[in-house]
Protein backbone atom coordinates (compact mmCIF):
# COMPACT_ATOMS: atom_id res chain seq x y z
CA MET A 1 57.90 86.16 87.16
CA ASN A 2 57.17 82.52 85.89
CA ILE A 3 58.96 83.12 82.76
CA LEU A 4 62.15 83.93 84.53
CA GLU A 5 61.59 81.16 86.97
CA LEU A 6 61.30 78.78 84.02
CA LYS A 7 64.20 79.99 82.02
CA TYR A 8 66.55 79.94 85.08
CA LEU A 9 65.79 76.28 85.42
CA GLU A 10 67.81 75.73 82.21
CA TYR A 11 70.89 77.44 83.74
CA LEU A 12 70.51 75.31 86.72
CA GLY A 13 70.71 72.13 84.77
CA VAL A 14 67.24 71.00 85.73
CA MET A 15 64.94 72.10 82.95
CA PRO A 16 61.65 70.07 82.83
CA ILE A 17 60.87 68.20 79.60
CA LEU A 18 58.36 70.30 77.66
CA ASP A 19 58.79 69.05 74.29
CA ALA A 20 57.72 65.33 74.68
CA CYS A 21 56.71 62.77 77.28
CA ALA A 22 59.38 62.83 80.12
CA ILE A 23 59.06 58.84 80.32
CA CYS A 24 58.96 57.62 76.73
CA GLY A 25 59.79 60.66 74.47
CA SER A 26 56.47 60.62 72.61
CA LYS A 27 55.08 63.83 71.25
CA LYS A 28 51.65 62.55 70.88
CA ASN A 29 48.75 62.59 73.24
CA ILE A 30 50.38 64.58 75.91
CA ILE A 31 47.76 64.83 78.89
CA THR A 32 49.50 66.24 81.88
CA LEU A 33 52.61 67.63 83.50
CA SER A 34 54.33 66.08 86.54
CA ASN A 35 56.78 67.51 89.01
CA ARG A 36 57.71 63.99 90.09
CA ILE A 37 58.54 62.79 86.45
CA GLY A 38 59.96 66.13 85.41
CA GLY A 39 57.82 67.30 82.72
CA TYR A 40 55.08 66.29 80.21
CA ILE A 41 53.39 62.86 80.49
CA CYS A 42 51.69 61.14 77.61
CA ARG A 43 48.40 59.01 77.62
CA ASN A 44 50.46 55.69 77.58
CA CYS A 45 52.65 56.55 80.59
CA TYR A 46 50.14 58.30 82.61
CA THR A 47 49.46 56.51 85.94
CA ASN A 48 47.91 58.85 88.63
CA GLU A 49 49.34 62.26 88.27
CA PRO A 50 46.98 65.04 88.66
CA ILE A 51 45.71 66.52 85.30
CA VAL A 52 46.45 69.91 84.45
CA GLU A 53 44.66 72.08 81.94
CA GLU A 54 46.06 72.01 78.38
CA LYS A 55 46.49 75.64 78.49
CA THR A 56 48.85 75.38 81.23
CA MET A 57 51.10 72.96 79.46
CA LYS A 58 51.14 75.16 76.52
CA LEU A 59 51.74 78.31 78.45
CA LEU A 60 54.68 76.74 80.12
CA ARG A 61 56.17 75.56 76.90
CA MET A 62 55.66 79.04 75.47
CA PHE A 63 57.30 80.72 78.52
CA TYR A 64 60.36 78.66 77.87
CA TYR A 65 60.64 79.69 74.22
CA ILE A 66 59.45 83.28 74.15
CA ASN A 67 61.85 86.17 73.94
CA ILE A 68 60.96 88.25 77.00
CA GLU A 69 61.82 91.50 75.27
CA LYS A 70 59.07 90.89 72.68
CA ILE A 71 56.36 90.54 75.30
CA THR A 72 54.16 93.86 75.60
CA LYS A 73 51.02 92.48 77.03
CA LEU A 74 49.92 89.03 78.50
CA GLU A 75 46.49 88.31 79.65
CA LEU A 76 45.78 84.87 81.24
CA GLU A 77 43.27 83.33 83.26
CA GLU A 78 43.65 83.31 87.09
CA LYS A 79 43.39 79.28 87.20
CA THR A 80 46.14 78.91 84.54
CA ILE A 81 48.42 81.41 86.51
CA ARG A 82 47.80 79.22 89.66
CA GLU A 83 48.59 76.02 87.99
CA VAL A 84 51.85 77.40 86.37
CA ASP A 85 53.02 78.88 89.62
CA HIS A 86 52.16 75.65 91.53
CA PHE A 87 54.18 73.53 89.14
CA LEU A 88 57.19 75.84 89.11
CA SER A 89 57.19 76.17 92.90
CA ASN A 90 56.93 72.39 93.60
CA TYR A 91 59.64 71.85 90.76
CA TYR A 92 61.98 74.26 92.33
CA ASP A 93 61.29 72.62 95.73
CA SER A 94 61.95 69.21 94.32
CA TYR A 95 64.85 69.69 91.97
CA THR A 96 66.83 72.88 93.22
CA GLY A 97 66.20 73.59 96.86
CA LEU A 98 66.07 77.25 95.89
CA TYR A 99 63.48 79.75 96.60
CA LEU A 100 63.79 82.94 94.83
CA LYS A 101 63.55 86.21 97.07
CA SER A 102 61.86 88.21 94.50
CA LYS A 103 59.09 85.58 94.22
CA LYS A 104 58.66 85.79 97.98
CA PHE A 105 58.43 89.63 97.65
CA ILE A 106 55.83 89.29 94.85
CA GLU A 107 53.75 87.08 97.00
CA LYS A 108 53.71 89.34 99.99
CA LEU A 109 52.55 92.13 97.46
CA ASN A 110 49.83 89.89 96.25
CA GLU A 111 48.54 89.12 99.74
CA VAL A 112 48.28 92.71 100.62
CA GLY A 113 46.49 93.78 97.35
């Protein structure tokens, strides 16, 4: 679900910056990800945004570039999944105002299971 959510952001014209710091454009020393800023943040531009795991940042970038048809199996840690989902949910709220019905359905299934 998160892969599709991320890819859909590009079509909406509000893709987060996942190749460099969203503030200065540096590709070095990326330390976190921010909904408010709209993407990666480097050490020099960091102020007080919560730090996310490096795995989460790499996974988001991979989700964007991956060809969905080539995925056969994906095993991820629960914490990483929660961080990715949290970022994307907040990003959608901040930049699109959309809430995907399919996501709501999947969340309800997870509550039951």
